[in-house]
C-alpha atoms as a PDB file:
ATOM      1  CA  UNK A   1       0.000   0.000   0.000  1.00  0.00           C
ATOM      2  CA  UNK A   2       1.332   3.414  -1.032  1.00  0.00           C
ATOM      3  CA  UNK A   3      -0.568   6.547  -0.008  1.00  0.00           C
ATOM      4  CA  UNK A   4      -0.223   9.843  -1.857  1.00  0.00           C
ATOM      5  CA  UNK A   5      -0.183  12.681   0.658  1.00  0.00           C
ATOM      6  CA  UNK A   6      -0.359  16.465   0.422  1.00  0.00           C
ATOM      7  CA  UNK A   7       1.114  18.736   3.098  1.00  0.00           C
ATOM      8  CA  UNK A   8      -0.286  22.261   3.562  1.00  0.00           C
ATOM      9  CA  UNK A   9       1.193  24.672   6.105  1.00  0.00           C
ATOM     10  CA  UNK A  10       2.079  28.368   5.848  1.00  0.00           C
ATOM     11  CA  UNK A  11       5.044  27.932   8.204  1.00  0.00           C
ATOM     12  CA  UNK A  12       8.177  26.808   6.364  1.00  0.00           C
ATOM     13  CA  UNK A  13       9.678  25.235   9.476  1.00  0.00           C
ATOM     14  CA  UNK A  14       6.517  23.244  10.154  1.00  0.00           C
ATOM     15  CA  UNK A  15       6.284  22.154   6.506  1.00  0.00           C
ATOM     16  CA  UNK A  16       9.860  20.896   6.613  1.00  0.00           C
ATOM     17  CA  UNK A  17       9.181  19.070   9.889  1.00  0.00           C
ATOM     18  CA  UNK A  18       6.171  17.214   8.481  1.00  0.00           C
ATOM     19  CA  UNK A  19       8.071  16.401   5.275  1.00  0.00           C
ATOM     20  CA  UNK A  20      11.022  15.023   7.266  1.00  0.00           C
ATOM     21  CA  UNK A  21       8.756  12.881   9.442  1.00  0.00           C
ATOM     22  CA  UNK A  22       6.656  11.663   6.503  1.00  0.00           C
ATOM     23  CA  UNK A  23       9.752  10.542   4.577  1.00  0.00           C
ATOM     24  CA  UNK A  24      10.477   8.045   7.347  1.00  0.00           C
ATOM     25  CA  UNK A  25       7.370   6.032   6.424  1.00  0.00           C
ATOM     26  CA  UNK A  26       7.547   3.985   3.203  1.00  0.00           C
ATOM     27  CA  UNK A  27       3.755   3.901   3.059  1.00  0.00           C
ATOM     28  CA  UNK A  28       3.658   7.667   2.432  1.00  0.00           C
ATOM     29  CA  UNK A  29       4.425   9.225  -0.943  1.00  0.00           C
ATOM     30  CA  UNK A  30       4.718  13.016  -0.674  1.00  0.00           C
ATOM     31  CA  UNK A  31       2.808  14.130  -3.750  1.00  0.00           C
ATOM     32  CA  UNK A  32       2.783  17.856  -2.982  1.00  0.00           C
ATOM     33  CA  UNK A  33       3.833  20.454  -0.396  1.00  0.00           C
ATOM     34  CA  UNK A  34       2.097  23.837  -0.287  1.00  0.00           C
ATOM     35  CA  UNK A  35       1.982  27.002   1.789  1.00  0.00           C
ATOM     36  CA  UNK A  36      -1.634  27.934   1.016  1.00  0.00           C
ATOM     37  CA  UNK A  37      -4.945  26.182   0.487  1.00  0.00           C
ATOM     38  CA  UNK A  38      -5.526  27.668  -2.960  1.00  0.00           C
ATOM     39  CA  UNK A  39      -2.392  26.116  -4.494  1.00  0.00           C
ATOM     40  CA  UNK A  40      -3.130  22.806  -2.783  1.00  0.00           C
ATOM     41  CA  UNK A  41      -6.705  22.783  -4.102  1.00  0.00           C
ATOM     42  CA  UNK A  42      -5.496  23.358  -7.662  1.00  0.00           C
ATOM     43  CA  UNK A  43      -3.090  20.443  -7.354  1.00  0.00           C
ATOM     44  CA  UNK A  44      -5.690  18.142  -5.770  1.00  0.00           C
ATOM     45  CA  UNK A  45      -8.131  18.827  -8.617  1.00  0.00           C
ATOM     46  CA  UNK A  46      -5.649  17.227 -11.041  1.00  0.00           C
ATOM     47  CA  UNK A  47      -4.045  14.476  -8.956  1.00  0.00           C
ATOM     48  CA  UNK A  48      -5.075  11.421  -6.956  1.00  0.00           C
ATOM     49  CA  UNK A  49      -4.604  12.166  -3.232  1.00  0.00           C
ATOM     50  CA  UNK A  50      -5.215   9.774  -0.335  1.00  0.00           C
ATOM     51  CA  UNK A  51      -4.126  11.812   2.709  1.00  0.00           C
ATOM     52  CA  UNK A  52      -4.117  15.476   3.708  1.00  0.00           C
ATOM     53  CA  UNK A  53      -1.823  16.898   6.384  1.00  0.00           C
ATOM     54  CA  UNK A  54      -3.356  20.313   7.001  1.00  0.00           C
ATOM     55  CA  UNK A  55      -2.627  23.294   9.181  1.00  0.00           C
ATOM     56  CA  UNK A  56      -5.846  25.090  10.129  1.00  0.00           C
ATOM     57  CA  UNK A  57      -4.724  28.706  10.447  1.00  0.00           C
ATOM     58  CA  UNK A  58      -3.578  29.387   6.877  1.00  0.00           C
ATOM     59  CA  UNK A  59      -3.266  32.635   4.957  1.00  0.00           C
ATOM     60  CA  UNK A  60      -6.491  33.071   3.019  1.00  0.00           C
ATOM     61  CA  UNK A  61      -8.723  29.988   3.104  1.00  0.00           C
ATOM     62  CA  UNK A  62      -8.395  27.869   6.262  1.00  0.00           C
ATOM     63  CA  UNK A  63      -7.474  24.195   6.459  1.00  0.00           C
ATOM     64  CA  UNK A  64     -11.041  23.354   7.531  1.00  0.00           C
ATOM     65  CA  UNK A  65     -12.421  25.174   4.472  1.00  0.00           C
ATOM     66  CA  UNK A  66     -10.035  23.239   2.258  1.00  0.00           C
ATOM     67  CA  UNK A  67     -11.163  19.941   3.755  1.00  0.00           C
ATOM     68  CA  UNK A  68     -14.804  20.834   3.109  1.00  0.00           C
ATOM     69  CA  UNK A  69     -13.994  21.315  -0.571  1.00  0.00           C
ATOM     70  CA  UNK A  70     -12.369  17.876  -0.969  1.00  0.00           C
ATOM     71  CA  UNK A  71     -14.505  15.419   1.066  1.00  0.00           C
ATOM     72  CA  UNK A  72     -13.660  12.651  -1.406  1.00  0.00           C
ATOM     73  CA  UNK A  73     -10.104  12.392  -0.030  1.00  0.00           C
ATOM     74  CA  UNK A  74     -10.245   9.425   2.402  1.00  0.00           C
ATOM     75  CA  UNK A  75      -8.076  10.768   5.240  1.00  0.00           C
ATOM     76  CA  UNK A  76      -7.321  14.144   6.763  1.00  0.00           C
ATOM     77  CA  UNK A  77      -4.929  14.815   9.642  1.00  0.00           C
ATOM     78  CA  UNK A  78      -4.867  18.345  11.044  1.00  0.00           C
ATOM     79  CA  UNK A  79      -1.593  19.682  12.477  1.00  0.00           C
ATOM     80  CA  UNK A  80      -2.126  23.021  14.189  1.00  0.00           C
ATOM     81  CA  UNK A  81      -1.215  25.360  17.034  1.00  0.00           C
ATOM     82  CA  UNK A  82      -4.896  25.908  17.814  1.00  0.00           C
ATOM     83  CA  UNK A  83      -6.422  23.100  19.919  1.00  0.00           C
ATOM     84  CA  UNK A  84      -9.655  25.085  20.167  1.00  0.00           C
ATOM     85  CA  UNK A  85     -10.441  24.033  16.580  1.00  0.00           C
ATOM     86  CA  UNK A  86     -10.472  20.329  17.456  1.00  0.00           C
ATOM     87  CA  UNK A  87     -14.261  19.975  17.672  1.00  0.00           C
ATOM     88  CA  UNK A  88     -14.832  21.864  14.422  1.00  0.00           C
ATOM     89  CA  UNK A  89     -12.221  19.791  12.614  1.00  0.00           C
ATOM     90  CA  UNK A  90     -13.869  16.486  13.487  1.00  0.00           C
ATOM     91  CA  UNK A  91     -17.059  17.672  11.819  1.00  0.00           C
ATOM     92  CA  UNK A  92     -15.270  17.406   8.467  1.00  0.00           C
ATOM     93  CA  UNK A  93     -14.164  13.752   8.580  1.00  0.00           C
ATOM     94  CA  UNK A  94     -10.883  14.143  10.473  1.00  0.00           C
ATOM     95  CA  UNK A  95      -8.834  11.042  11.253  1.00  0.00           C
ATOM     96  CA  UNK A  96      -6.488  12.718  13.754  1.00  0.00           C
ATOM     97  CA  UNK A  97      -5.705  16.123  15.278  1.00  0.00           C
ATOM     98  CA  UNK A  98      -2.091  16.918  16.224  1.00  0.00           C
ATOM     99  CA  UNK A  99      -1.251  19.987  18.278  1.00  0.00           C
ATOM    100  CA  UNK A 100       1.990  21.881  17.633  1.00  0.00           C
ATOM    101  CA  UNK A 101       4.702  21.672  18.754  1.00  0.00           C
ATOM    102  CA  UNK A 102       4.807  17.910  18.343  1.00  0.00           C
ATOM    103  CA  UNK A 103       7.462  15.217  18.298  1.00  0.00           C
ATOM    104  CA  UNK A 104       8.025  12.274  16.001  1.00  0.00           C
ATOM    105  CA  UNK A 105       6.343   9.741  18.302  1.00  0.00           C
ATOM    106  CA  UNK A 106       3.047  11.668  18.088  1.00  0.00           C
ATOM    107  CA  UNK A 107       3.309  11.756  14.293  1.00  0.00           C
ATOM    108  CA  UNK A 108       4.098   8.042  14.285  1.00  0.00           C
ATOM    109  CA  UNK A 109       0.949   7.374  16.302  1.00  0.00           C
ATOM    110  CA  UNK A 110      -1.111   9.214  13.678  1.00  0.00           C
ATOM    111  CA  UNK A 111       0.446   7.168  10.866  1.00  0.00           C
ATOM    112  CA  UNK A 112      -0.351   3.912  12.669  1.00  0.00           C
ATOM    113  CA  UNK A 113      -3.975   5.031  12.887  1.00  0.00           C
ATOM    114  CA  UNK A 114      -3.885   6.057   9.242  1.00  0.00           C
ATOM    115  CA  UNK A 115      -2.517   2.748   7.950  1.00  0.00           C
ATOM    116  CA  UNK A 116      -4.981   0.736  10.036  1.00  0.00           C
ATOM    117  CA  UNK A 117      -7.898   2.751   8.674  1.00  0.00           C
ATOM    118  CA  UNK A 118      -6.720   2.494   5.060  1.00  0.00           C
ATOM    119  CA  UNK A 119      -6.097  -1.248   5.311  1.00  0.00           C
ATOM    120  CA  UNK A 120      -9.620  -1.757   6.608  1.00  0.00           C
ATOM    121  CA  UNK A 121     -10.939   0.454   3.827  1.00  0.00           C
ATOM    122  CA  UNK A 122      -9.201  -1.624   1.176  1.00  0.00           C
ATOM    123  CA  UNK A 123     -10.562  -4.858   2.628  1.00  0.00           C
ATOM    124  CA  UNK A 124     -14.083  -3.533   2.827  1.00  0.00           C
ATOM    125  CA  UNK A 125     -14.692  -2.603  -0.801  1.00  0.00           C
ATOM    126  CA  UNK A 126     -17.366  -5.256  -1.247  1.00  0.00           C
ATOM    127  CA  UNK A 127     -20.148  -6.481   0.997  1.00  0.00           C
ATOM    128  CA  UNK A 128     -23.288  -8.366   0.083  1.00  0.00           C
ATOM    129  CA  UNK A 129     -25.779 -10.651   1.805  1.00  0.00           C
ATOM    130  CA  UNK A 130     -26.082 -14.243   0.665  1.00  0.00           C
ATOM    131  CA  UNK A 131     -29.213 -15.498  -1.061  1.00  0.00           C
ATOM    132  CA  UNK A 132     -29.787 -18.044   1.709  1.00  0.00           C
ATOM    133  CA  UNK A 133     -30.066 -15.299   4.322  1.00  0.00           C
ATOM    134  CA  UNK A 134     -28.082 -17.071   7.056  1.00  0.00           C
ATOM    135  CA  UNK A 135     -24.618 -15.953   5.909  1.00  0.00           C
ATOM    136  CA  UNK A 136     -22.832 -12.986   4.389  1.00  0.00           C
ATOM    137  CA  UNK A 137     -19.855 -12.829   2.073  1.00  0.00           C
ATOM    138  CA  UNK A 138     -17.065 -10.363   2.808  1.00  0.00           C
ATOM    139  CA  UNK A 139     -14.301  -9.524   0.357  1.00  0.00           C
ATOM    140  CA  UNK A 140     -10.914  -9.827   2.057  1.00  0.00           C
ATOM    141  CA  UNK A 141      -8.060  -9.306  -0.363  1.00  0.00           C
ATOM    142  CA  UNK A 142      -8.873 -11.239  -3.546  1.00  0.00           C
ATOM    143  CA  UNK A 143     -11.103 -13.754  -1.800  1.00  0.00           C
ATOM    144  CA  UNK A 144     -14.600 -13.731  -0.331  1.00  0.00           C
ATOM    145  CA  UNK A 145     -15.037 -15.033   3.190  1.00  0.00           C
ATOM    146  CA  UNK A 146     -18.314 -16.606   4.259  1.00  0.00           C
ATOM    147  CA  UNK A 147     -19.443 -15.500   7.715  1.00  0.00           C
ATOM    148  CA  UNK A 148     -22.485 -17.037   9.370  1.00  0.00           C
ATOM    149  CA  UNK A 149     -24.764 -14.386  10.809  1.00  0.00           C
ATOM    150  CA  UNK A 150     -25.357 -16.296  14.047  1.00  0.00           C
ATOM    151  CA  UNK A 151     -21.582 -16.270  14.713  1.00  0.00           C
ATOM    152  CA  UNK A 152     -21.476 -12.455  14.921  1.00  0.00           C
ATOM    153  CA  UNK A 153     -21.428 -11.268  18.551  1.00  0.00           C
ATOM    154  CA  UNK A 154     -21.824  -7.570  17.830  1.00  0.00           C
ATOM    155  CA  UNK A 155     -21.347  -4.810  15.252  1.00  0.00           C
ATOM    156  CA  UNK A 156     -19.094  -1.814  15.858  1.00  0.00           C
ATOM    157  CA  UNK A 157     -19.345   1.395  13.796  1.00  0.00           C
ATOM    158  CA  UNK A 158     -16.215   2.769  12.122  1.00  0.00           C
ATOM    159  CA  UNK A 159     -17.133   5.919  10.183  1.00  0.00           C
ATOM    160  CA  UNK A 160     -18.657   4.665   6.899  1.00  0.00           C
ATOM    161  CA  UNK A 161     -17.655   1.094   7.700  1.00  0.00           C
ATOM    162  CA  UNK A 162     -18.746  -1.538  10.200  1.00  0.00           C
ATOM    163  CA  UNK A 163     -16.769  -4.170  12.069  1.00  0.00           C
ATOM    164  CA  UNK A 164     -18.510  -7.529  12.427  1.00  0.00           C
ATOM    165  CA  UNK A 165     -17.053  -9.166  15.515  1.00  0.00           C
ATOM    166  CA  UNK A 166     -17.054 -12.931  15.911  1.00  0.00           C
ATOM    167  CA  UNK A 167     -15.233 -14.959  18.551  1.00  0.00           C
ATOM    168  CA  UNK A 168     -12.449 -15.691  16.072  1.00  0.00           C
ATOM    169  CA  UNK A 169     -12.070 -12.566  13.940  1.00  0.00           C
ATOM    170  CA  UNK A 170     -12.983  -8.963  13.174  1.00  0.00           C
ATOM    171  CA  UNK A 171     -14.428  -8.476   9.676  1.00  0.00           C
ATOM    172  CA  UNK A 172     -14.798  -5.052   8.062  1.00  0.00           C
ATOM    173  CA  UNK A 173     -17.582  -4.233   5.578  1.00  0.00           C
ATOM    174  CA  UNK A 174     -18.308  -1.155   3.502  1.00  0.00           C
ATOM    175  CA  UNK A 175     -21.659  -0.299   5.048  1.00  0.00           C
ATOM    176  CA  UNK A 176     -22.475   1.955   7.978  1.00  0.00           C
ATOM    177  CA  UNK A 177     -24.146   0.450  11.015  1.00  0.00           C
ATOM    178  CA  UNK A 178     -27.479   2.168  10.358  1.00  0.00           C
ATOM    179  CA  UNK A 179     -27.720   0.727   6.845  1.00  0.00           C
ATOM    180  CA  UNK A 180     -26.785  -2.749   8.055  1.00  0.00           C
ATOM    181  CA  UNK A 181     -29.491  -2.812  10.707  1.00  0.00           C
ATOM    182  CA  UNK A 182     -32.131  -1.999   8.095  1.00  0.00           C
ATOM    183  CA  UNK A 183     -31.272  -5.222   6.256  1.00  0.00           C
ATOM    184  CA  UNK A 184     -33.652  -8.105   6.992  1.00  0.00           C
ATOM    185  CA  UNK A 185     -30.675 -10.415   7.595  1.00  0.00           C
ATOM    186  CA  UNK A 186     -29.692  -8.313  10.637  1.00  0.00           C
ATOM    187  CA  UNK A 187     -33.117  -8.284  12.322  1.00  0.00           C
ATOM    188  CA  UNK A 188     -31.720 -10.197  15.321  1.00  0.00           C
ATOM    189  CA  UNK A 189     -29.409  -7.280  16.236  1.00  0.00           C
ATOM    190  CA  UNK A 190     -30.338  -4.521  18.698  1.00  0.00           C
ATOM    191  CA  UNK A 191     -28.802  -1.026  18.502  1.00  0.00           C
ATOM    192  CA  UNK A 192     -27.640  -0.183  22.044  1.00  0.00           C
ATOM    193  CA  UNK A 193     -25.220   2.663  21.326  1.00  0.00           C
ATOM    194  CA  UNK A 194     -24.359   5.034  18.519  1.00  0.00           C
ATOM    195  CA  UNK A 195     -21.382   2.795  17.740  1.00  0.00           C
ATOM    196  CA  UNK A 196     -22.648  -0.661  18.751  1.00  0.00           C
ATOM    197  CA  UNK A 197     -25.370  -3.195  17.986  1.00  0.00           C
ATOM    198  CA  UNK A 198     -25.524  -6.597  19.677  1.00  0.00           C
ATOM    199  CA  UNK A 199     -27.087  -9.908  18.759  1.00  0.00           C
ATOM    200  CA  UNK A 200     -29.896 -10.642  21.230  1.00  0.00           C
ATOM    201  CA  UNK A 201     -29.046 -14.238  22.038  1.00  0.00           C
ATOM    202  CA  UNK A 202     -25.523 -13.359  23.197  1.00  0.00           C
ATOM    203  CA  UNK A 203     -26.614 -10.906  25.906  1.00  0.00           C
ATOM    204  CA  UNK A 204     -25.810 -12.396  29.335  1.00  0.00           C
ATOM    205  CA  UNK A 205     -26.316  -9.435  31.677  1.00  0.00           C
ATOM    206  CA  UNK A 206     -27.643  -5.873  31.546  1.00  0.00           C
ATOM    207  CA  UNK A 207     -26.685  -3.007  33.852  1.00  0.00           C
ATOM    208  CA  UNK A 208     -27.490   0.699  33.677  1.00  0.00           C
ATOM    209  CA  UNK A 209     -24.389   1.490  31.627  1.00  0.00           C
ATOM    210  CA  UNK A 210     -23.367  -1.653  29.755  1.00  0.00           C
ATOM    211  CA  UNK A 211     -24.289  -5.060  28.405  1.00  0.00           C
ATOM    212  CA  UNK A 212     -22.243  -8.170  29.057  1.00  0.00           C
ATOM    213  CA  UNK A 213     -22.096 -10.567  26.144  1.00  0.00           C
ATOM    214  CA  UNK A 214     -20.816 -14.108  25.780  1.00  0.00           C
ATOM    215  CA  UNK A 215     -17.156 -14.439  26.917  1.00  0.00           C
ATOM    216  CA  UNK A 216     -17.580 -11.375  29.195  1.00  0.00           C
ATOM    217  CA  UNK A 217     -17.450  -8.856  26.359  1.00  0.00           C
ATOM    218  CA  UNK A 218     -18.684  -5.473  27.662  1.00  0.00           C
ATOM    219  CA  UNK A 219     -20.646  -3.158  25.360  1.00  0.00           C
ATOM    220  CA  UNK A 220     -21.623   0.393  26.446  1.00  0.00           C
ATOM    221  CA  UNK A 221     -25.258   1.487  26.449  1.00  0.00           C
ATOM    222  CA  UNK A 222     -26.010   4.882  24.917  1.00  0.00           C
ATOM    223  CA  UNK A 223     -28.522   7.084  26.710  1.00  0.00           C
ATOM    224  CA  UNK A 224     -30.678   7.584  23.615  1.00  0.00           C
ATOM    225  CA  UNK A 225     -30.810   3.830  22.925  1.00  0.00           C
ATOM    226  CA  UNK A 226     -31.988   2.591  26.332  1.00  0.00           C
ATOM    227  CA  UNK A 227     -35.562   2.161  25.119  1.00  0.00           C
ATOM    228  CA  UNK A 228     -34.328  -0.481  22.672  1.00  0.00           C
ATOM    229  CA  UNK A 229     -33.520  -2.672  25.670  1.00  0.00           C
ATOM    230  CA  UNK A 230     -37.204  -3.037  26.529  1.00  0.00           C
ATOM    231  CA  UNK A 231     -37.209  -6.094  24.301  1.00  0.00           C
ATOM    232  CA  UNK A 232     -35.408  -7.948  27.130  1.00  0.00           C
ATOM    233  CA  UNK A 233     -38.059  -7.111  29.737  1.00  0.00           C
END
């Protein structure tokens, strides 16, 4: 996997720092380095870009504004001196938020998160339910893996993807948790949190804040989803 990245920062020292750190990761290909959002946007319109490393406080258009204009780019990591913009940045599909000044180990942590996300994204480019209705087929690499629905303990949301957790493995599919739960094949699952849905037969214990599943797996209960638990009463 090779990821084309663009670095945008109006500070030359900070640009050079990010470039130096990025060059230490073979997975990253530095496709472009820019001091303003306008030049970066022109480049992005002509090239294939996988990752943005953006400062927020730029001359002219801000890093957040730039991100809003290119939502099709899979990953965005903000690197800024302004932690107060963290909440706003995560409203525009931000993978990570690094506060300046930062050291290499913090950048390395962001790249680990980036590679994990992109690997899951590559694996999850195909998902479809089987005709029989008791299994699903998940594309993993060049093969399709058959997963029996009754083997899935719970579903965990991951942005536009979902993790299907069995006792043996975590499978990633290109479908958000809300869309999955509308499928007739997933009618045995109960949404108990914004990020989690559990299969009813695996619930062992219920408290005010969490569910305990088979093998002592703990799943949090979201306040707005507590009414869904009435099915167990």
